[in-house]
C-alpha cells in the first residue's frame, strides 16, 4: 500500500502501465477487468499536459490526482447540479469552449446523465462526443479530434 501511495506519477501505483497494457482486450468486453484502473490509466496516457478532463460523478476527487490533468469547466459538482441556472450554465459552456477537453469521465453514472440539469452543456456533449466502446457511458471522447494513436491493444483513441 505504501508503494502505491508514494508512486510518482501517482497513476503508476494505482494502475501500472505494464499491468494495464498487458490485459487481454477481450477481458474489457467481458467486463472481466478493473475498469476504473484501465480508464484512468487510459485518460492519463492519452491526454497532453495542457488538456483538461470533464469529471462528473458522486465522488470525483481522485480522478484529477491520478490523471494529472486539470478539471474542465472548473470544480463543479455536475452530479449535484451546481451552477445549473441558465446564466451560470452559459458561463460554464463558454469556459468549456475555451478549454481542450478530449475526455469526459464519470465515477458512477453515465456522463450524460449527470449533465441533464445543464441542457445546453448536455447538448454540446451529445453532439460532439461519443461513448468510449465498453465504458457504459462513463467515458465520452471528443469526436471532433483526430487520434494520434491508440491505447495498447484496446484500440481506444489517443490524443497525445
N, C-alpha and C. Protein backbone atom coordinates (compact mmCIF):
# COMPACT_ATOMS: atom_id res chain seq x y z
N UNK A 1 0.83 -1.18 0.00
CA UNK A 1 0.00 0.00 0.00
C UNK A 1 0.88 1.25 0.00
N UNK A 2 1.95 1.24 0.80
CA UNK A 2 2.83 2.40 0.86
C UNK A 2 3.41 2.71 -0.52
N UNK A 3 3.84 1.69 -1.23
CA UNK A 3 4.41 1.89 -2.57
C UNK A 3 3.37 2.50 -3.51
N UNK A 4 2.12 2.05 -3.42
CA UNK A 4 1.07 2.61 -4.28
C UNK A 4 0.83 4.08 -3.97
N UNK A 5 0.84 4.43 -2.70
CA UNK A 5 0.55 5.80 -2.30
C UNK A 5 1.71 6.77 -2.54
N UNK A 6 2.91 6.24 -2.69
CA UNK A 6 4.07 7.11 -2.88
C UNK A 6 4.62 7.06 -4.31
N UNK A 7 3.95 6.37 -5.19
CA UNK A 7 4.42 6.26 -6.57
C UNK A 7 4.38 7.62 -7.26
N UNK A 8 5.30 7.80 -8.17
CA UNK A 8 5.33 9.02 -8.96
C UNK A 8 5.62 8.66 -10.41
N UNK A 9 4.72 9.00 -11.32
CA UNK A 9 3.44 9.67 -11.10
C UNK A 9 2.46 8.76 -10.36
N UNK A 10 1.46 9.34 -9.71
CA UNK A 10 0.52 8.56 -8.89
C UNK A 10 -0.15 7.39 -9.62
N UNK A 11 -0.41 7.57 -10.92
CA UNK A 11 -1.09 6.51 -11.69
C UNK A 11 -0.26 5.23 -11.71
N UNK A 12 1.06 5.35 -11.61
CA UNK A 12 1.92 4.16 -11.65
C UNK A 12 1.71 3.26 -10.45
N UNK A 13 1.28 3.82 -9.34
CA UNK A 13 0.97 2.99 -8.17
C UNK A 13 -0.43 2.41 -8.26
N UNK A 14 -1.35 3.17 -8.79
CA UNK A 14 -2.74 2.74 -8.87
C UNK A 14 -2.99 1.77 -10.01
N UNK A 15 -2.44 2.07 -11.18
CA UNK A 15 -2.67 1.25 -12.38
C UNK A 15 -1.38 1.21 -13.20
N UNK A 16 -0.43 0.36 -12.79
CA UNK A 16 0.84 0.30 -13.52
C UNK A 16 0.63 0.06 -15.01
N UNK A 17 1.35 0.82 -15.80
CA UNK A 17 1.19 0.78 -17.27
C UNK A 17 1.33 -0.64 -17.82
N UNK A 18 2.39 -1.35 -17.44
CA UNK A 18 2.62 -2.70 -17.96
C UNK A 18 1.47 -3.64 -17.60
N UNK A 19 0.96 -3.47 -16.40
CA UNK A 19 -0.15 -4.31 -15.94
C UNK A 19 -1.42 -4.06 -16.75
N UNK A 20 -1.74 -2.79 -16.97
CA UNK A 20 -2.95 -2.44 -17.71
C UNK A 20 -2.80 -2.83 -19.18
N UNK A 21 -1.67 -2.48 -19.78
CA UNK A 21 -1.49 -2.79 -21.20
C UNK A 21 -1.30 -4.28 -21.44
N UNK A 22 -0.98 -5.02 -20.40
CA UNK A 22 -0.84 -6.47 -20.52
C UNK A 22 -2.16 -7.22 -20.48
N UNK A 23 -3.25 -6.50 -20.19
CA UNK A 23 -4.56 -7.14 -20.15
C UNK A 23 -4.99 -7.54 -21.56
N UNK A 24 -5.71 -8.60 -21.64
CA UNK A 24 -6.28 -9.05 -22.92
C UNK A 24 -7.50 -8.17 -23.21
N UNK A 25 -7.52 -7.47 -24.34
CA UNK A 25 -8.66 -6.61 -24.66
C UNK A 25 -10.00 -7.34 -24.63
N UNK A 26 -10.00 -8.64 -24.86
CA UNK A 26 -11.26 -9.39 -24.78
C UNK A 26 -11.83 -9.32 -23.37
N UNK A 27 -10.95 -9.22 -22.38
CA UNK A 27 -11.42 -9.11 -20.99
C UNK A 27 -12.22 -7.83 -20.79
N UNK A 28 -11.85 -6.77 -21.51
CA UNK A 28 -12.57 -5.50 -21.41
C UNK A 28 -14.02 -5.67 -21.83
N UNK A 29 -14.23 -6.37 -22.93
CA UNK A 29 -15.58 -6.56 -23.44
C UNK A 29 -16.39 -7.52 -22.57
N UNK A 30 -15.71 -8.39 -21.87
CA UNK A 30 -16.39 -9.31 -20.97
C UNK A 30 -16.56 -8.71 -19.58
N UNK A 31 -16.07 -7.48 -19.41
CA UNK A 31 -16.11 -6.78 -18.11
C UNK A 31 -15.40 -7.60 -17.03
N UNK A 32 -14.29 -8.21 -17.43
CA UNK A 32 -13.53 -9.05 -16.52
C UNK A 32 -12.24 -8.35 -16.09
N UNK A 33 -12.29 -7.02 -16.01
CA UNK A 33 -11.14 -6.23 -15.60
C UNK A 33 -11.61 -5.14 -14.66
N UNK A 34 -10.68 -4.54 -13.95
CA UNK A 34 -10.99 -3.39 -13.10
C UNK A 34 -11.06 -2.17 -14.02
N UNK A 35 -12.26 -1.83 -14.44
CA UNK A 35 -12.46 -0.76 -15.43
C UNK A 35 -11.93 0.57 -14.97
N UNK A 36 -12.03 0.88 -13.69
CA UNK A 36 -11.56 2.17 -13.20
C UNK A 36 -10.06 2.31 -13.43
N UNK A 37 -9.32 1.26 -13.14
CA UNK A 37 -7.86 1.32 -13.35
C UNK A 37 -7.53 1.48 -14.84
N UNK A 38 -8.23 0.74 -15.68
CA UNK A 38 -7.99 0.84 -17.13
C UNK A 38 -8.33 2.24 -17.62
N UNK A 39 -9.49 2.76 -17.22
CA UNK A 39 -9.94 4.05 -17.73
C UNK A 39 -9.07 5.21 -17.25
N UNK A 40 -8.68 5.19 -15.99
CA UNK A 40 -7.84 6.28 -15.50
C UNK A 40 -6.45 6.23 -16.13
N UNK A 41 -5.91 5.03 -16.31
CA UNK A 41 -4.62 4.91 -16.99
C UNK A 41 -4.74 5.40 -18.43
N UNK A 42 -5.82 5.02 -19.08
CA UNK A 42 -6.08 5.44 -20.47
C UNK A 42 -6.13 6.96 -20.58
N UNK A 43 -6.92 7.60 -19.73
CA UNK A 43 -7.07 9.05 -19.79
C UNK A 43 -5.73 9.72 -19.52
N UNK A 44 -4.99 9.24 -18.55
CA UNK A 44 -3.68 9.81 -18.22
C UNK A 44 -2.72 9.68 -19.40
N UNK A 45 -2.66 8.50 -20.00
CA UNK A 45 -1.70 8.24 -21.07
C UNK A 45 -2.09 8.87 -22.41
N UNK A 46 -3.36 9.16 -22.59
CA UNK A 46 -3.83 9.61 -23.91
C UNK A 46 -4.25 11.07 -23.95
N UNK A 47 -3.80 11.85 -22.98
CA UNK A 47 -4.02 13.28 -22.99
C UNK A 47 -2.67 13.99 -22.90
N UNK A 48 -2.63 15.19 -23.43
CA UNK A 48 -1.42 16.01 -23.34
C UNK A 48 -1.47 16.84 -22.06
N UNK A 49 -0.31 17.27 -21.57
CA UNK A 49 -0.30 18.03 -20.31
C UNK A 49 -1.24 19.24 -20.27
N UNK A 50 -1.51 19.92 -21.37
CA UNK A 50 -2.41 21.08 -21.35
C UNK A 50 -3.88 20.74 -21.45
N UNK A 51 -4.19 19.48 -21.69
CA UNK A 51 -5.59 19.05 -21.78
C UNK A 51 -6.26 19.07 -20.42
N UNK A 52 -7.58 19.12 -20.46
CA UNK A 52 -8.40 19.02 -19.25
C UNK A 52 -9.38 17.87 -19.42
N UNK A 53 -9.93 17.41 -18.32
CA UNK A 53 -10.90 16.32 -18.35
C UNK A 53 -12.14 16.78 -17.59
N UNK A 54 -13.30 16.67 -18.24
CA UNK A 54 -14.54 16.95 -17.53
C UNK A 54 -14.79 15.77 -16.60
N UNK A 55 -15.01 16.03 -15.32
CA UNK A 55 -15.16 14.96 -14.34
C UNK A 55 -16.51 15.11 -13.64
N UNK A 56 -17.31 14.04 -13.72
CA UNK A 56 -18.60 14.02 -13.04
C UNK A 56 -18.64 12.80 -12.12
N UNK A 57 -19.73 12.65 -11.43
CA UNK A 57 -19.89 11.50 -10.55
C UNK A 57 -20.09 11.94 -9.11
N UNK A 58 -20.34 10.97 -8.27
CA UNK A 58 -20.63 11.26 -6.87
C UNK A 58 -19.38 11.61 -6.07
N UNK A 59 -18.27 10.97 -6.37
CA UNK A 59 -17.02 11.22 -5.64
C UNK A 59 -15.86 11.31 -6.62
N UNK A 60 -15.75 12.42 -7.33
CA UNK A 60 -14.76 12.51 -8.40
C UNK A 60 -13.36 12.97 -7.99
N UNK A 61 -13.08 13.09 -6.73
CA UNK A 61 -11.87 13.76 -6.27
C UNK A 61 -10.57 13.09 -6.68
N UNK A 62 -10.53 11.79 -6.79
CA UNK A 62 -9.29 11.09 -7.11
C UNK A 62 -8.92 11.19 -8.59
N UNK A 63 -9.85 11.53 -9.44
CA UNK A 63 -9.61 11.50 -10.88
C UNK A 63 -8.49 12.46 -11.28
N UNK A 64 -8.59 13.72 -10.91
CA UNK A 64 -7.57 14.69 -11.26
C UNK A 64 -6.20 14.31 -10.72
N UNK A 65 -6.18 13.72 -9.55
CA UNK A 65 -4.91 13.29 -8.94
C UNK A 65 -4.25 12.21 -9.79
N UNK A 66 -5.00 11.20 -10.16
CA UNK A 66 -4.41 10.09 -10.91
C UNK A 66 -4.12 10.44 -12.36
N UNK A 67 -4.97 11.21 -13.01
CA UNK A 67 -4.73 11.51 -14.42
C UNK A 67 -3.81 12.72 -14.60
N UNK A 68 -3.57 13.46 -13.54
CA UNK A 68 -2.70 14.63 -13.55
C UNK A 68 -3.08 15.65 -14.63
N UNK A 69 -4.37 15.88 -14.74
CA UNK A 69 -4.90 16.88 -15.67
C UNK A 69 -5.88 17.75 -14.89
N UNK A 70 -5.95 19.00 -15.28
CA UNK A 70 -6.90 19.91 -14.64
C UNK A 70 -8.32 19.51 -15.00
N UNK A 71 -9.23 19.89 -14.13
CA UNK A 71 -10.64 19.58 -14.32
C UNK A 71 -11.25 20.62 -15.26
N UNK A 72 -11.92 20.16 -16.29
CA UNK A 72 -12.57 21.05 -17.26
C UNK A 72 -13.82 21.68 -16.66
N UNK A 73 -14.04 22.93 -17.00
CA UNK A 73 -15.24 23.62 -16.55
C UNK A 73 -15.15 24.11 -15.12
N UNK A 74 -14.03 23.95 -14.48
CA UNK A 74 -13.88 24.33 -13.09
C UNK A 74 -14.32 23.19 -12.18
N UNK A 75 -14.21 23.43 -10.91
CA UNK A 75 -14.58 22.39 -9.94
C UNK A 75 -16.07 22.48 -9.64
N UNK A 76 -16.84 21.92 -10.55
CA UNK A 76 -18.30 21.95 -10.44
C UNK A 76 -18.77 20.53 -10.11
N UNK A 77 -19.64 20.41 -9.16
CA UNK A 77 -20.22 19.10 -8.85
C UNK A 77 -21.43 18.91 -9.76
N UNK A 78 -21.15 18.47 -10.98
CA UNK A 78 -22.17 18.30 -12.01
C UNK A 78 -23.28 17.37 -11.52
N UNK A 79 -22.89 16.33 -10.83
CA UNK A 79 -23.85 15.33 -10.34
C UNK A 79 -24.91 15.97 -9.44
N UNK A 80 -24.52 17.02 -8.71
CA UNK A 80 -25.43 17.68 -7.78
C UNK A 80 -26.09 18.93 -8.37
N UNK A 81 -25.77 19.26 -9.62
CA UNK A 81 -26.41 20.38 -10.28
C UNK A 81 -25.87 21.76 -9.90
N UNK A 82 -24.64 21.82 -9.40
CA UNK A 82 -24.06 23.12 -9.05
C UNK A 82 -23.99 24.01 -10.29
N UNK A 83 -24.31 25.28 -10.12
CA UNK A 83 -24.22 26.29 -11.18
C UNK A 83 -25.07 25.92 -12.41
N UNK A 84 -26.22 25.34 -12.18
CA UNK A 84 -27.05 24.89 -13.30
C UNK A 84 -28.11 25.90 -13.75
N UNK A 85 -28.19 27.06 -13.08
CA UNK A 85 -29.15 28.04 -13.59
C UNK A 85 -28.66 28.54 -14.94
N UNK A 86 -29.54 29.12 -15.73
CA UNK A 86 -29.25 29.45 -17.13
C UNK A 86 -28.02 30.34 -17.30
N UNK A 87 -27.86 31.35 -16.47
CA UNK A 87 -26.73 32.28 -16.59
C UNK A 87 -25.40 31.57 -16.29
N UNK A 88 -25.39 30.83 -15.21
CA UNK A 88 -24.15 30.15 -14.84
C UNK A 88 -23.84 28.99 -15.80
N UNK A 89 -24.87 28.33 -16.30
CA UNK A 89 -24.64 27.28 -17.29
C UNK A 89 -23.97 27.86 -18.53
N UNK A 90 -24.43 29.03 -18.96
CA UNK A 90 -23.83 29.68 -20.13
C UNK A 90 -22.36 30.00 -19.88
N UNK A 91 -22.04 30.46 -18.68
CA UNK A 91 -20.65 30.74 -18.33
C UNK A 91 -19.80 29.46 -18.39
N UNK A 92 -20.35 28.37 -17.88
CA UNK A 92 -19.64 27.09 -17.91
C UNK A 92 -19.43 26.62 -19.34
N UNK A 93 -20.45 26.76 -20.17
CA UNK A 93 -20.35 26.35 -21.57
C UNK A 93 -19.28 27.16 -22.29
N UNK A 94 -19.23 28.45 -22.04
CA UNK A 94 -18.20 29.29 -22.65
C UNK A 94 -16.81 28.90 -22.17
N UNK A 95 -16.69 28.60 -20.90
CA UNK A 95 -15.40 28.14 -20.36
C UNK A 95 -14.98 26.83 -21.01
N UNK A 96 -15.90 25.90 -21.11
CA UNK A 96 -15.58 24.61 -21.75
C UNK A 96 -15.16 24.81 -23.20
N UNK A 97 -15.75 25.80 -23.87
CA UNK A 97 -15.41 26.08 -25.26
C UNK A 97 -13.99 26.60 -25.43
N UNK A 98 -13.43 27.18 -24.37
CA UNK A 98 -12.06 27.71 -24.43
C UNK A 98 -11.02 26.68 -23.98
N UNK A 99 -11.47 25.56 -23.48
CA UNK A 99 -10.55 24.56 -22.95
C UNK A 99 -10.42 23.37 -23.89
N UNK A 100 -9.27 22.72 -23.81
CA UNK A 100 -9.02 21.49 -24.57
C UNK A 100 -9.52 20.33 -23.71
N UNK A 101 -10.62 19.70 -24.14
CA UNK A 101 -11.28 18.67 -23.34
C UNK A 101 -11.48 17.42 -24.20
N UNK A 102 -10.47 16.56 -24.30
CA UNK A 102 -10.63 15.36 -25.13
C UNK A 102 -11.55 14.31 -24.51
N UNK A 103 -11.69 14.33 -23.17
CA UNK A 103 -12.48 13.30 -22.50
C UNK A 103 -13.38 13.88 -21.42
N UNK A 104 -14.51 13.23 -21.23
CA UNK A 104 -15.36 13.45 -20.06
C UNK A 104 -15.44 12.10 -19.36
N UNK A 105 -15.33 12.12 -18.04
CA UNK A 105 -15.29 10.87 -17.26
C UNK A 105 -16.21 10.99 -16.05
N UNK A 106 -16.94 9.93 -15.77
CA UNK A 106 -17.79 9.89 -14.59
C UNK A 106 -17.38 8.72 -13.70
N UNK A 107 -17.39 8.97 -12.41
CA UNK A 107 -17.04 7.91 -11.46
C UNK A 107 -18.20 6.96 -11.18
N UNK A 108 -19.42 7.34 -11.53
CA UNK A 108 -20.57 6.48 -11.19
C UNK A 108 -21.57 6.32 -12.33
N UNK A 109 -22.35 7.36 -12.58
CA UNK A 109 -23.41 7.30 -13.58
C UNK A 109 -22.86 7.75 -14.93
N UNK A 110 -23.52 7.40 -16.01
CA UNK A 110 -23.07 7.90 -17.32
C UNK A 110 -22.94 9.42 -17.31
N UNK A 111 -21.93 9.93 -17.98
CA UNK A 111 -21.66 11.36 -18.03
C UNK A 111 -22.91 12.13 -18.43
N UNK A 112 -23.57 11.70 -19.49
CA UNK A 112 -24.73 12.45 -19.97
C UNK A 112 -25.86 12.48 -18.95
N UNK A 113 -25.98 11.48 -18.10
CA UNK A 113 -26.99 11.52 -17.04
C UNK A 113 -26.70 12.67 -16.07
N UNK A 114 -25.41 12.83 -15.71
CA UNK A 114 -25.04 13.89 -14.78
C UNK A 114 -25.21 15.28 -15.40
N UNK A 115 -25.23 15.38 -16.71
CA UNK A 115 -25.34 16.68 -17.36
C UNK A 115 -26.77 17.06 -17.72
N UNK A 116 -27.75 16.26 -17.34
CA UNK A 116 -29.15 16.55 -17.71
C UNK A 116 -29.66 17.86 -17.12
N UNK A 117 -29.11 18.30 -16.01
CA UNK A 117 -29.54 19.56 -15.40
C UNK A 117 -28.98 20.78 -16.14
N UNK A 118 -28.13 20.52 -17.12
CA UNK A 118 -27.46 21.56 -17.89
C UNK A 118 -27.82 21.34 -19.37
N UNK A 119 -29.00 21.78 -19.82
CA UNK A 119 -29.47 21.41 -21.16
C UNK A 119 -28.51 21.79 -22.30
N UNK A 120 -27.91 22.96 -22.26
CA UNK A 120 -27.00 23.36 -23.34
C UNK A 120 -25.69 22.58 -23.29
N UNK A 121 -25.18 22.35 -22.10
CA UNK A 121 -23.94 21.58 -21.97
C UNK A 121 -24.21 20.12 -22.33
N UNK A 122 -25.34 19.60 -21.91
CA UNK A 122 -25.73 18.23 -22.27
C UNK A 122 -25.77 18.09 -23.79
N UNK A 123 -26.39 19.06 -24.45
CA UNK A 123 -26.50 19.00 -25.91
C UNK A 123 -25.12 19.13 -26.56
N UNK A 124 -24.25 19.95 -26.02
CA UNK A 124 -22.88 20.09 -26.54
C UNK A 124 -22.16 18.74 -26.50
N UNK A 125 -22.24 18.06 -25.38
CA UNK A 125 -21.56 16.77 -25.27
C UNK A 125 -22.26 15.69 -26.10
N UNK A 126 -23.56 15.76 -26.20
CA UNK A 126 -24.28 14.79 -27.01
C UNK A 126 -23.90 14.94 -28.49
N UNK A 127 -23.73 16.17 -28.95
CA UNK A 127 -23.40 16.42 -30.35
C UNK A 127 -21.94 16.15 -30.69
N UNK A 128 -21.04 16.46 -29.79
CA UNK A 128 -19.61 16.45 -30.14
C UNK A 128 -18.79 15.31 -29.54
N UNK A 129 -19.39 14.51 -28.70
CA UNK A 129 -18.66 13.44 -28.03
C UNK A 129 -19.34 12.10 -28.30
N UNK A 130 -18.55 11.05 -28.27
CA UNK A 130 -19.08 9.69 -28.42
C UNK A 130 -18.65 8.86 -27.22
N UNK A 131 -19.46 7.89 -26.92
CA UNK A 131 -19.16 6.99 -25.81
C UNK A 131 -17.99 6.09 -26.18
N UNK A 132 -17.03 5.97 -25.26
CA UNK A 132 -15.93 5.03 -25.46
C UNK A 132 -16.51 3.63 -25.40
N UNK A 133 -16.23 2.84 -26.42
CA UNK A 133 -16.77 1.49 -26.51
C UNK A 133 -16.50 0.70 -25.23
N UNK A 134 -17.55 0.15 -24.68
CA UNK A 134 -17.44 -0.68 -23.49
C UNK A 134 -17.40 0.06 -22.18
N UNK A 135 -17.48 1.39 -22.20
CA UNK A 135 -17.37 2.14 -20.94
C UNK A 135 -18.73 2.37 -20.27
N UNK A 136 -19.81 1.94 -20.90
CA UNK A 136 -21.16 2.11 -20.35
C UNK A 136 -21.48 3.58 -20.07
N UNK A 137 -20.95 4.47 -20.91
CA UNK A 137 -21.23 5.89 -20.78
C UNK A 137 -20.37 6.62 -19.77
N UNK A 138 -19.43 5.93 -19.13
CA UNK A 138 -18.58 6.57 -18.13
C UNK A 138 -17.48 7.41 -18.76
N UNK A 139 -17.16 7.15 -20.03
CA UNK A 139 -16.16 7.96 -20.73
C UNK A 139 -16.73 8.40 -22.07
N UNK A 140 -16.64 9.70 -22.32
CA UNK A 140 -17.00 10.26 -23.61
C UNK A 140 -15.73 10.82 -24.24
N UNK A 141 -15.62 10.64 -25.55
CA UNK A 141 -14.44 11.06 -26.31
C UNK A 141 -14.86 12.12 -27.32
N UNK A 142 -14.09 13.19 -27.42
CA UNK A 142 -14.38 14.25 -28.37
C UNK A 142 -14.24 13.72 -29.79
N UNK A 143 -15.35 13.62 -30.50
CA UNK A 143 -15.37 13.03 -31.85
C UNK A 143 -14.79 13.99 -32.89
N UNK A 144 -14.59 15.25 -32.54
CA UNK A 144 -14.04 16.22 -33.49
C UNK A 144 -12.52 16.12 -33.60
N UNK A 145 -11.91 15.43 -32.69
CA UNK A 145 -10.45 15.33 -32.68
C UNK A 145 -9.96 14.16 -33.51
N UNK A 146 -8.79 14.30 -34.05
CA UNK A 146 -8.12 13.22 -34.77
C UNK A 146 -7.19 12.51 -33.82
N UNK A 147 -7.36 11.22 -33.64
CA UNK A 147 -6.45 10.49 -32.76
C UNK A 147 -5.02 10.49 -33.32
N UNK A 148 -4.06 10.52 -32.42
CA UNK A 148 -2.66 10.45 -32.80
C UNK A 148 -2.12 9.03 -32.64
N UNK A 149 -2.93 8.16 -32.06
CA UNK A 149 -2.53 6.78 -31.83
C UNK A 149 -3.64 6.03 -31.12
N UNK A 150 -3.26 4.87 -30.60
CA UNK A 150 -4.22 4.02 -29.88
C UNK A 150 -3.64 3.63 -28.53
N UNK A 151 -4.52 3.30 -27.61
CA UNK A 151 -4.13 2.87 -26.28
C UNK A 151 -3.98 1.35 -26.28
N UNK A 152 -2.75 0.91 -26.40
CA UNK A 152 -2.46 -0.52 -26.36
C UNK A 152 -3.34 -1.34 -27.27
N UNK A 153 -3.62 -2.55 -26.86
CA UNK A 153 -4.46 -3.45 -27.63
C UNK A 153 -5.94 -3.13 -27.53
N UNK A 154 -6.30 -2.16 -26.69
CA UNK A 154 -7.71 -1.81 -26.53
C UNK A 154 -8.25 -1.04 -27.72
N UNK A 155 -7.37 -0.45 -28.52
CA UNK A 155 -7.75 0.35 -29.68
C UNK A 155 -8.55 1.59 -29.31
N UNK A 156 -8.39 2.08 -28.07
CA UNK A 156 -9.02 3.34 -27.68
C UNK A 156 -8.22 4.48 -28.31
N UNK A 157 -8.88 5.54 -28.78
CA UNK A 157 -8.15 6.65 -29.41
C UNK A 157 -7.33 7.46 -28.42
N UNK A 158 -6.11 7.80 -28.80
CA UNK A 158 -5.23 8.64 -28.00
C UNK A 158 -5.05 9.99 -28.68
N UNK A 159 -4.81 11.01 -27.87
CA UNK A 159 -4.65 12.37 -28.38
C UNK A 159 -3.37 13.02 -27.86
N UNK A 160 -2.37 12.23 -27.61
CA UNK A 160 -1.12 12.74 -27.05
C UNK A 160 -0.03 12.69 -28.06
